[in-house]
Amino acid sequence: MRIFNTYTPTRIMFGIGQLNNLNIQKMPGKKAMVVISNGKSGRGFLPRVEEQLRLAGAEYTVFDKVESNPLKSTVEAGAAFARENGCDFVIALGGGSVIDAAKVMAMLAANPGDLWDYAFGGTGKGLIGINPALALIVITTTSGTGSEVDQYGVVTKPETNEKIGIGGREDMFPVLAIVDPELTTSVPPKFTAYQGWDALSHSMEGYISKAGNLMSDMYALTAIENIAKYLPIAVKNGGNIEAREKMAFGNILSGLVMVVGGVTSQHSLEHAMSAYHQDLPHGAGLIMLSKAYFTHFINAHVCDERFVKMARVMGYPNANEPMDFIAALCKLTEDCGVADLKMSDYKLVPDEFETLAKNARDTMGGLFSCDRSELSIEDCVTIFRAAYR
């Protein structure tokens, strides 16, 4: 496809020490709700952010309830917190879960009703909010989701086992993203690998997606090259600032791939997995699926040359057949120490695969339309079974 429509309005401040420049930026409001996780992630940088806000003359209050795979109830509580405290803009300090949650909180804080009124897919009503979202500033502490440059937030409704991307509105793009690679150096090896694989998956899926185009292809191949080279280094030595910098760069590009192009059904399949198994990290689920998922499309021979190109930028310069990509993929899991991940470790069982497949189609069916060959429910179950250990 040569047609693309690009609108990526987020201003990105990238590089070591950029957090120190927050105070000289024009604040988009007078009082911020600073959103952080309910654990340790990002919390250590909170005093620095608070000092930056004081220097900028902005008031603030802190919402510290966001869990991994953020829940609908948490997002609704955050939106209510913003309204109750008179906050007119939001700052997300953390990784993908915090950024996704904060993004949707900023929308819901300005609009009435239940969050699922604004969800597309599943039991959502698919409404468009009538009021502009609160402005959002993002300060990333991980390299994984690309959420700092896109207009969606993924939220889980556990009562119905629905995990859906909510948004798509232009006012849900962050107005400013501070990407300071130094803030990512304390992420433990395991989570560095999981987060990095999420970013990698956005670009790998984006590159074989029907929604791909000249612009997204450029972003995707550059991101894949950087992540494949530097993710193992970041996993083995979290303090390697060059590796952290290249991972942060690859993550931004992978986020842009989603904005300019689109990812495929692998993300829908994994969202179903973690919707039913809340403790499953999204990136870990993608690692479990990756070999079986991409092998399915290689066997369909829908874009052989694209798999060869990905293999070449992943360190196989002499690749000449699609399965060389699978070899590169497997080597990367070994180099990152995640080759032994098993679905059974997170209590997934084969008996639920059809349920997961149907859930993926019902809740995030739009991504299936980006696949170059149509996946049936039976195909999804076959992929789950091939990935199962």
Protein backbone atom coordinates (compact mmCIF):
# COMPACT_ATOMS: atom_id res chain seq x y z
CA MET A 1 0.00 0.00 0.00
CA ARG A 2 1.27 3.46 -0.88
CA ILE A 3 -1.55 5.32 0.85
CA PHE A 4 -1.05 6.47 4.41
CA ASN A 5 -2.51 9.09 6.69
CA THR A 6 -0.14 10.27 9.38
CA TYR A 7 -0.96 12.50 12.32
CA THR A 8 1.46 12.20 15.22
CA PRO A 9 1.19 15.43 17.20
CA THR A 10 3.13 14.42 20.33
CA ARG A 11 6.24 16.51 20.96
CA ILE A 12 9.04 14.18 21.99
CA MET A 13 11.95 15.26 24.19
CA PHE A 14 14.46 12.44 23.82
CA GLY A 15 17.79 11.90 25.56
CA ILE A 16 19.71 11.61 28.79
CA GLY A 17 18.72 14.28 31.31
CA GLN A 18 15.57 15.45 29.54
CA LEU A 19 13.49 14.99 32.68
CA ASN A 20 15.40 17.94 34.12
CA ASN A 21 13.90 20.15 31.41
CA LEU A 22 10.26 19.51 32.27
CA ASN A 23 10.09 22.68 34.37
CA ILE A 24 10.88 24.97 31.45
CA GLN A 25 8.06 23.57 29.29
CA LYS A 26 4.71 25.31 29.19
CA MET A 27 2.34 23.34 31.39
CA PRO A 28 -1.02 22.56 29.71
CA GLY A 29 -2.93 23.40 32.90
CA LYS A 30 -2.65 24.62 36.46
CA LYS A 31 -3.00 21.39 38.46
CA ALA A 32 -1.77 17.95 37.46
CA MET A 33 -2.84 14.50 38.50
CA VAL A 34 0.42 12.54 38.52
CA VAL A 35 -0.35 8.89 37.79
CA ILE A 36 2.07 6.18 38.95
CA SER A 37 1.86 2.44 39.55
CA ASN A 38 0.83 0.72 42.77
CA GLY A 39 4.29 -0.87 42.95
CA LYS A 40 7.85 0.38 42.77
CA SER A 41 7.94 1.13 39.05
CA GLY A 42 8.47 4.84 38.48
CA ARG A 43 7.97 5.72 42.15
CA GLY A 44 11.66 6.44 42.66
CA PHE A 45 11.50 9.24 40.11
CA LEU A 46 8.43 10.87 41.68
CA PRO A 47 10.43 13.35 43.84
CA ARG A 48 12.23 14.60 40.72
CA VAL A 49 8.92 15.10 38.89
CA GLU A 50 7.43 16.86 41.90
CA GLU A 51 10.41 19.21 42.02
CA GLN A 52 10.05 19.94 38.31
CA LEU A 53 6.38 20.81 38.81
CA ARG A 54 7.21 23.09 41.74
CA LEU A 55 9.79 24.88 39.60
CA ALA A 56 7.18 25.22 36.85
CA GLY A 57 4.68 26.70 39.31
CA ALA A 58 2.15 23.92 38.82
CA GLU A 59 0.09 22.30 41.55
CA TYR A 60 -0.23 18.52 41.62
CA THR A 61 -1.68 15.52 43.39
CA VAL A 62 -0.67 11.86 43.05
CA PHE A 63 -2.78 8.85 42.05
CA ASP A 64 -0.81 5.67 42.80
CA LYS A 65 -3.21 2.79 42.16
CA VAL A 66 -2.36 1.51 38.67
CA GLU A 67 -1.66 -2.22 38.39
CA SER A 68 -0.07 -4.23 35.59
CA ASN A 69 -2.72 -4.78 32.90
CA PRO A 70 -4.80 -1.87 34.29
CA LEU A 71 -8.36 -2.60 35.32
CA LYS A 72 -11.52 -0.72 34.37
CA SER A 73 -12.27 -0.02 38.04
CA THR A 74 -8.84 1.55 38.54
CA VAL A 75 -9.19 3.80 35.51
CA GLU A 76 -12.64 4.92 36.64
CA ALA A 77 -11.27 5.63 40.13
CA GLY A 78 -8.47 7.71 38.61
CA ALA A 79 -10.89 9.73 36.50
CA ALA A 80 -13.04 10.41 39.57
CA PHE A 81 -9.91 11.36 41.54
CA ALA A 82 -8.96 13.92 38.87
CA ARG A 83 -12.42 15.48 38.95
CA GLU A 84 -12.61 15.53 42.77
CA ASN A 85 -9.21 17.22 43.04
CA GLY A 86 -9.81 19.81 40.33
CA CYS A 87 -7.02 18.55 38.07
CA ASP A 88 -6.98 20.03 34.58
CA PHE A 89 -4.13 17.96 33.13
CA VAL A 90 -2.51 14.57 33.71
CA ILE A 91 1.07 13.38 33.96
CA ALA A 92 1.85 9.69 33.50
CA LEU A 93 5.10 8.57 35.16
CA GLY A 94 5.87 4.94 34.44
CA GLY A 95 5.62 2.20 31.87
CA GLY A 96 2.96 1.12 29.43
CA SER A 97 0.31 0.20 31.98
CA VAL A 98 0.57 3.57 33.71
CA ILE A 99 0.57 5.49 30.43
CA ASP A 100 -2.39 3.53 29.04
CA ALA A 101 -4.37 4.01 32.24
CA ALA A 102 -3.55 7.73 32.49
CA LYS A 103 -4.52 8.28 28.86
CA VAL A 104 -7.96 6.79 29.37
CA MET A 105 -8.37 8.52 32.75
CA ALA A 106 -7.73 11.85 31.01
CA MET A 107 -10.54 11.12 28.56
CA LEU A 108 -13.01 9.79 31.12
CA ALA A 109 -12.35 12.60 33.62
CA ALA A 110 -13.85 15.01 31.10
CA ASN A 111 -16.77 12.85 30.00
CA PRO A 112 -19.81 11.30 31.74
CA GLY A 113 -20.81 7.69 32.14
CA ASP A 114 -19.23 4.28 32.46
CA LEU A 115 -15.82 3.65 30.87
CA TRP A 116 -17.20 0.80 28.74
CA ASP A 117 -19.56 3.29 27.12
CA TYR A 118 -16.44 4.33 25.17
CA ALA A 119 -15.09 0.87 24.39
CA PHE A 120 -15.30 -0.51 20.86
CA GLY A 121 -15.78 -4.26 20.75
CA GLY A 122 -17.16 -6.81 23.18
CA THR A 123 -19.78 -5.37 25.49
CA GLY A 124 -18.65 -1.80 24.85
CA LYS A 125 -21.15 0.77 23.55
CA GLY A 126 -18.72 2.46 21.17
CA LEU A 127 -19.65 6.02 22.12
CA ILE A 128 -17.48 9.03 21.33
CA GLY A 129 -16.96 11.39 24.26
CA ILE A 130 -18.44 14.83 23.71
CA ASN A 131 -15.83 16.72 25.74
CA PRO A 132 -12.09 17.10 25.04
CA ALA A 133 -9.80 14.87 27.08
CA LEU A 134 -7.55 16.48 29.67
CA ALA A 135 -4.09 17.19 28.27
CA LEU A 136 -1.53 14.47 29.01
CA ILE A 137 2.22 14.60 29.57
CA VAL A 138 4.06 11.28 29.54
CA ILE A 139 7.36 10.46 31.25
CA THR A 140 8.44 6.95 30.27
CA THR A 141 10.37 4.62 32.58
CA THR A 142 10.29 1.54 30.30
CA SER A 143 10.74 0.71 26.62
CA GLY A 144 7.81 -1.45 25.63
CA THR A 145 4.40 -0.26 24.53
CA GLY A 146 5.03 2.84 22.43
CA SER A 147 2.07 4.34 24.27
CA GLU A 148 3.92 7.64 24.63
CA VAL A 149 3.19 8.45 20.98
CA ASP A 150 -0.20 6.87 20.25
CA GLN A 151 -3.85 7.62 21.08
CA TYR A 152 -5.03 4.38 22.69
CA GLY A 153 -4.96 2.85 26.16
CA VAL A 154 -5.53 -0.85 26.83
CA VAL A 155 -7.83 -1.60 29.77
CA THR A 156 -9.21 -4.87 31.20
CA LYS A 157 -12.79 -5.46 32.36
CA PRO A 158 -12.36 -8.59 34.51
CA GLU A 159 -16.08 -9.23 34.97
CA THR A 160 -16.34 -10.11 31.28
CA ASN A 161 -12.68 -10.98 30.57
CA GLU A 162 -12.40 -8.19 28.03
CA LYS A 163 -9.07 -6.46 27.36
CA ILE A 164 -9.63 -3.68 24.84
CA GLY A 165 -7.78 -0.68 23.44
CA ILE A 166 -9.87 2.41 24.19
CA GLY A 167 -9.39 5.70 22.41
CA GLY A 168 -8.53 6.59 18.86
CA ARG A 169 -9.42 10.22 19.49
CA GLU A 170 -6.93 12.86 18.39
CA ASP A 171 -7.07 14.54 21.80
CA MET A 172 -5.80 11.35 23.45
CA PHE A 173 -2.33 11.73 21.95
CA PRO A 174 0.03 12.95 24.69
CA VAL A 175 0.93 16.60 24.15
CA LEU A 176 4.48 15.95 25.41
CA ALA A 177 6.55 12.80 25.88
CA ILE A 178 9.77 12.90 27.87
CA VAL A 179 11.83 9.88 26.86
CA ASP A 180 14.92 9.87 29.08
CA PRO A 181 16.70 6.51 28.63
CA GLU A 182 18.40 6.95 32.00
CA LEU A 183 15.04 6.33 33.68
CA THR A 184 14.90 2.81 32.21
CA THR A 185 18.22 1.53 33.54
CA SER A 186 16.72 0.08 36.74
CA VAL A 187 14.17 -2.17 34.98
CA PRO A 188 15.01 -5.81 35.92
CA PRO A 189 16.29 -8.13 33.16
CA LYS A 190 13.12 -10.21 32.89
CA PHE A 191 10.86 -7.21 32.46
CA THR A 192 13.33 -5.53 30.13
CA ALA A 193 12.93 -8.58 27.89
CA TYR A 194 9.13 -8.66 28.15
CA GLN A 195 8.75 -4.95 27.48
CA GLY A 196 11.24 -4.97 24.64
CA TRP A 197 9.42 -7.87 23.01
CA ASP A 198 6.17 -5.93 23.05
CA ALA A 199 7.86 -3.09 21.16
CA LEU A 200 9.43 -5.58 18.77
CA SER A 201 6.06 -7.25 18.18
CA HIS A 202 4.44 -3.94 17.24
CA SER A 203 6.97 -3.56 14.45
CA MET A 204 7.06 -7.20 13.33
CA GLU A 205 3.28 -7.31 13.15
CA GLY A 206 3.18 -3.88 11.56
CA TYR A 207 5.60 -4.96 8.86
CA ILE A 208 3.46 -7.93 7.77
CA SER A 209 0.17 -6.08 8.28
CA LYS A 210 -2.17 -5.20 5.42
CA ALA A 211 -2.21 -1.72 6.96
CA GLY A 212 1.52 -1.35 6.31
CA ASN A 213 2.75 1.42 4.02
CA LEU A 214 5.91 3.23 2.98
CA MET A 215 6.04 5.24 6.19
CA SER A 216 5.27 2.43 8.64
CA ASP A 217 7.69 0.10 6.83
CA MET A 218 10.49 2.59 7.40
CA TYR A 219 9.70 2.88 11.10
CA ALA A 220 9.22 -0.88 11.52
CA LEU A 221 12.46 -2.08 9.91
CA THR A 222 14.53 0.51 11.80
CA ALA A 223 12.86 -0.45 15.07
CA ILE A 224 13.35 -4.19 14.46
CA GLU A 225 17.02 -3.66 13.66
CA ASN A 226 17.64 -1.61 16.81
CA ILE A 227 15.65 -3.81 19.16
CA ALA A 228 17.05 -7.11 17.87
CA LYS A 229 20.60 -5.81 18.33
CA TYR A 230 20.27 -3.99 21.63
CA LEU A 231 17.59 -5.85 23.60
CA PRO A 232 19.93 -8.73 24.57
CA ILE A 233 22.52 -6.17 25.70
CA ALA A 234 19.98 -4.27 27.81
CA VAL A 235 18.78 -7.54 29.36
CA LYS A 236 22.30 -8.63 30.30
CA ASN A 237 23.51 -5.19 31.40
CA GLY A 238 20.72 -2.83 32.36
CA GLY A 239 23.18 -0.02 32.97
CA ASN A 240 24.42 0.00 29.38
CA ILE A 241 23.16 3.42 28.40
CA GLU A 242 23.68 2.95 24.67
CA ALA A 243 21.49 -0.15 24.71
CA ARG A 244 18.83 1.65 26.76
CA GLU A 245 18.94 4.61 24.37
CA LYS A 246 18.52 2.42 21.28
CA MET A 247 15.69 0.49 22.95
CA ALA A 248 13.90 3.75 23.80
CA PHE A 249 14.33 4.88 20.20
CA GLY A 250 13.06 1.56 18.84
CA ASN A 251 10.08 1.76 21.17
CA ILE A 252 9.09 5.20 19.88
CA LEU A 253 9.31 3.98 16.30
CA SER A 254 7.21 0.92 17.13
CA GLY A 255 4.59 3.18 18.64
CA LEU A 256 4.53 5.21 15.45
CA VAL A 257 4.08 2.01 13.44
CA MET A 258 0.74 1.56 15.23
CA VAL A 259 -0.30 5.13 14.48
CA VAL A 260 0.69 5.24 10.80
CA GLY A 261 0.00 1.57 10.05
CA GLY A 262 -1.44 -1.13 12.27
CA VAL A 263 -0.61 -4.31 14.14
CA THR A 264 -2.16 -7.73 13.52
CA SER A 265 -4.13 -10.37 15.37
CA GLN A 266 -1.22 -11.60 17.49
CA HIS A 267 -1.99 -8.72 19.83
CA SER A 268 -5.66 -9.71 19.97
CA LEU A 269 -4.70 -13.30 20.84
CA GLU A 270 -2.40 -12.19 23.63
CA HIS A 271 -4.90 -9.71 25.03
CA ALA A 272 -7.32 -12.60 25.40
CA MET A 273 -4.67 -14.59 27.26
CA SER A 274 -3.93 -11.85 29.77
CA ALA A 275 -7.60 -10.88 30.07
CA TYR A 276 -8.23 -14.32 31.55
CA HIS A 277 -4.86 -14.48 33.36
CA GLN A 278 -4.27 -11.07 34.93
CA ASP A 279 -0.78 -11.93 36.19
CA LEU A 280 0.53 -12.74 32.68
CA PRO A 281 2.76 -9.90 31.43
CA HIS A 282 1.71 -8.84 27.96
CA GLY A 283 5.22 -9.14 26.53
CA ALA A 284 5.66 -12.61 28.00
CA GLY A 285 2.46 -13.73 26.29
CA LEU A 286 3.71 -12.37 22.98
CA ILE A 287 6.97 -14.28 23.37
CA MET A 288 5.01 -17.49 23.96
CA LEU A 289 2.93 -16.94 20.82
CA SER A 290 5.54 -15.55 18.46
CA LYS A 291 7.07 -18.65 16.88
CA ALA A 292 3.73 -20.40 16.25
CA TYR A 293 1.99 -17.21 15.15
CA PHE A 294 4.53 -16.09 12.57
CA THR A 295 5.11 -19.64 11.33
CA HIS A 296 1.40 -19.79 10.47
CA PHE A 297 1.73 -16.81 8.15
CA ILE A 298 5.00 -18.06 6.69
CA ASN A 299 3.22 -21.29 5.77
CA ALA A 300 0.48 -19.21 4.12
CA HIS A 301 3.13 -17.58 1.84
CA VAL A 302 1.39 -14.21 1.97
CA CYS A 303 4.52 -12.02 2.27
CA ASP A 304 7.62 -14.20 2.00
CA GLU A 305 9.93 -11.32 1.09
CA ARG A 306 8.93 -9.38 4.19
CA PHE A 307 9.96 -12.21 6.50
CA VAL A 308 13.29 -12.41 4.68
CA LYS A 309 13.84 -8.65 5.13
CA MET A 310 13.08 -8.90 8.84
CA ALA A 311 15.54 -11.79 9.22
CA ARG A 312 18.25 -9.74 7.53
CA VAL A 313 17.86 -6.72 9.83
CA MET A 314 17.75 -9.08 12.82
CA GLY A 315 21.31 -10.20 12.19
CA TYR A 316 20.92 -12.79 9.41
CA PRO A 317 22.31 -10.81 6.42
CA ASN A 318 22.38 -13.87 4.18
CA ALA A 319 18.76 -14.84 4.84
CA ASN A 320 16.99 -15.97 1.68
CA GLU A 321 13.91 -17.84 2.89
CA PRO A 322 11.09 -16.93 5.31
CA MET A 323 11.99 -19.56 7.91
CA ASP A 324 15.28 -17.72 8.46
CA PHE A 325 13.11 -15.20 10.30
CA ILE A 326 11.95 -17.92 12.71
CA ALA A 327 15.59 -18.85 13.29
CA ALA A 328 16.37 -15.21 14.10
CA LEU A 329 13.35 -15.03 16.38
CA CYS A 330 14.32 -18.16 18.31
CA LYS A 331 17.92 -16.98 18.69
CA LEU A 332 16.68 -13.69 20.10
CA THR A 333 14.56 -15.46 22.74
CA GLU A 334 17.65 -17.45 23.74
CA ASP A 335 19.88 -14.37 23.84
CA CYS A 336 17.31 -12.61 26.05
CA GLY A 337 16.89 -15.61 28.37
CA VAL A 338 13.19 -16.08 27.66
CA ALA A 339 13.21 -19.17 25.45
CA ASP A 340 11.83 -21.35 28.26
CA LEU A 341 8.63 -19.37 28.92
CA LYS A 342 5.60 -21.65 29.09
CA MET A 343 1.88 -20.96 29.05
CA SER A 344 1.41 -23.61 31.71
CA ASP A 345 3.50 -21.50 34.09
CA TYR A 346 0.60 -19.02 34.11
CA LYS A 347 -2.07 -21.74 34.41
CA LEU A 348 -3.23 -21.57 30.81
CA VAL A 349 -4.68 -24.92 29.68
CA PRO A 350 -5.61 -26.23 26.21
CA ASP A 351 -9.27 -26.57 27.17
CA GLU A 352 -9.63 -22.78 27.16
CA PHE A 353 -8.08 -22.12 23.73
CA GLU A 354 -11.38 -21.92 21.86
CA THR A 355 -12.70 -19.51 24.49
CA LEU A 356 -9.59 -17.36 24.10
CA ALA A 357 -9.88 -17.43 20.31
CA LYS A 358 -13.50 -16.28 20.41
CA ASN A 359 -12.67 -13.63 22.98
CA ALA A 360 -9.91 -12.26 20.76
CA ARG A 361 -12.30 -11.97 17.81
CA ASP A 362 -15.11 -10.44 19.88
CA THR A 363 -13.07 -7.86 21.78
CA MET A 364 -10.33 -6.83 19.32
CA GLY A 365 -11.60 -8.15 16.02
CA GLY A 366 -10.39 -5.08 14.17
CA LEU A 367 -6.81 -6.29 14.27
CA PHE A 368 -7.79 -9.47 12.44
CA SER A 369 -8.69 -7.31 9.45
CA CYS A 370 -5.01 -6.36 9.22
CA ASP A 371 -3.93 -9.99 8.67
CA ARG A 372 -2.83 -10.83 5.12
CA SER A 373 -4.70 -14.12 5.29
CA GLU A 374 -7.88 -14.59 7.30
CA LEU A 375 -7.60 -16.39 10.64
CA SER A 376 -10.56 -18.55 11.58
CA ILE A 377 -11.36 -19.56 15.13
CA GLU A 378 -9.89 -22.96 14.29
CA ASP A 379 -6.68 -21.31 13.05
CA CYS A 380 -6.39 -19.37 16.31
CA VAL A 381 -6.84 -22.54 18.34
CA THR A 382 -4.17 -24.26 16.23
CA ILE A 383 -1.74 -21.40 16.92
CA PHE A 384 -2.45 -21.58 20.65
CA ARG A 385 -1.89 -25.35 20.61
CA ALA A 386 1.36 -25.02 18.66
CA ALA A 387 2.59 -22.41 21.16
CA TYR A 388 1.54 -24.40 24.24
CA ARG A 389 4.06 -25.88 26.64
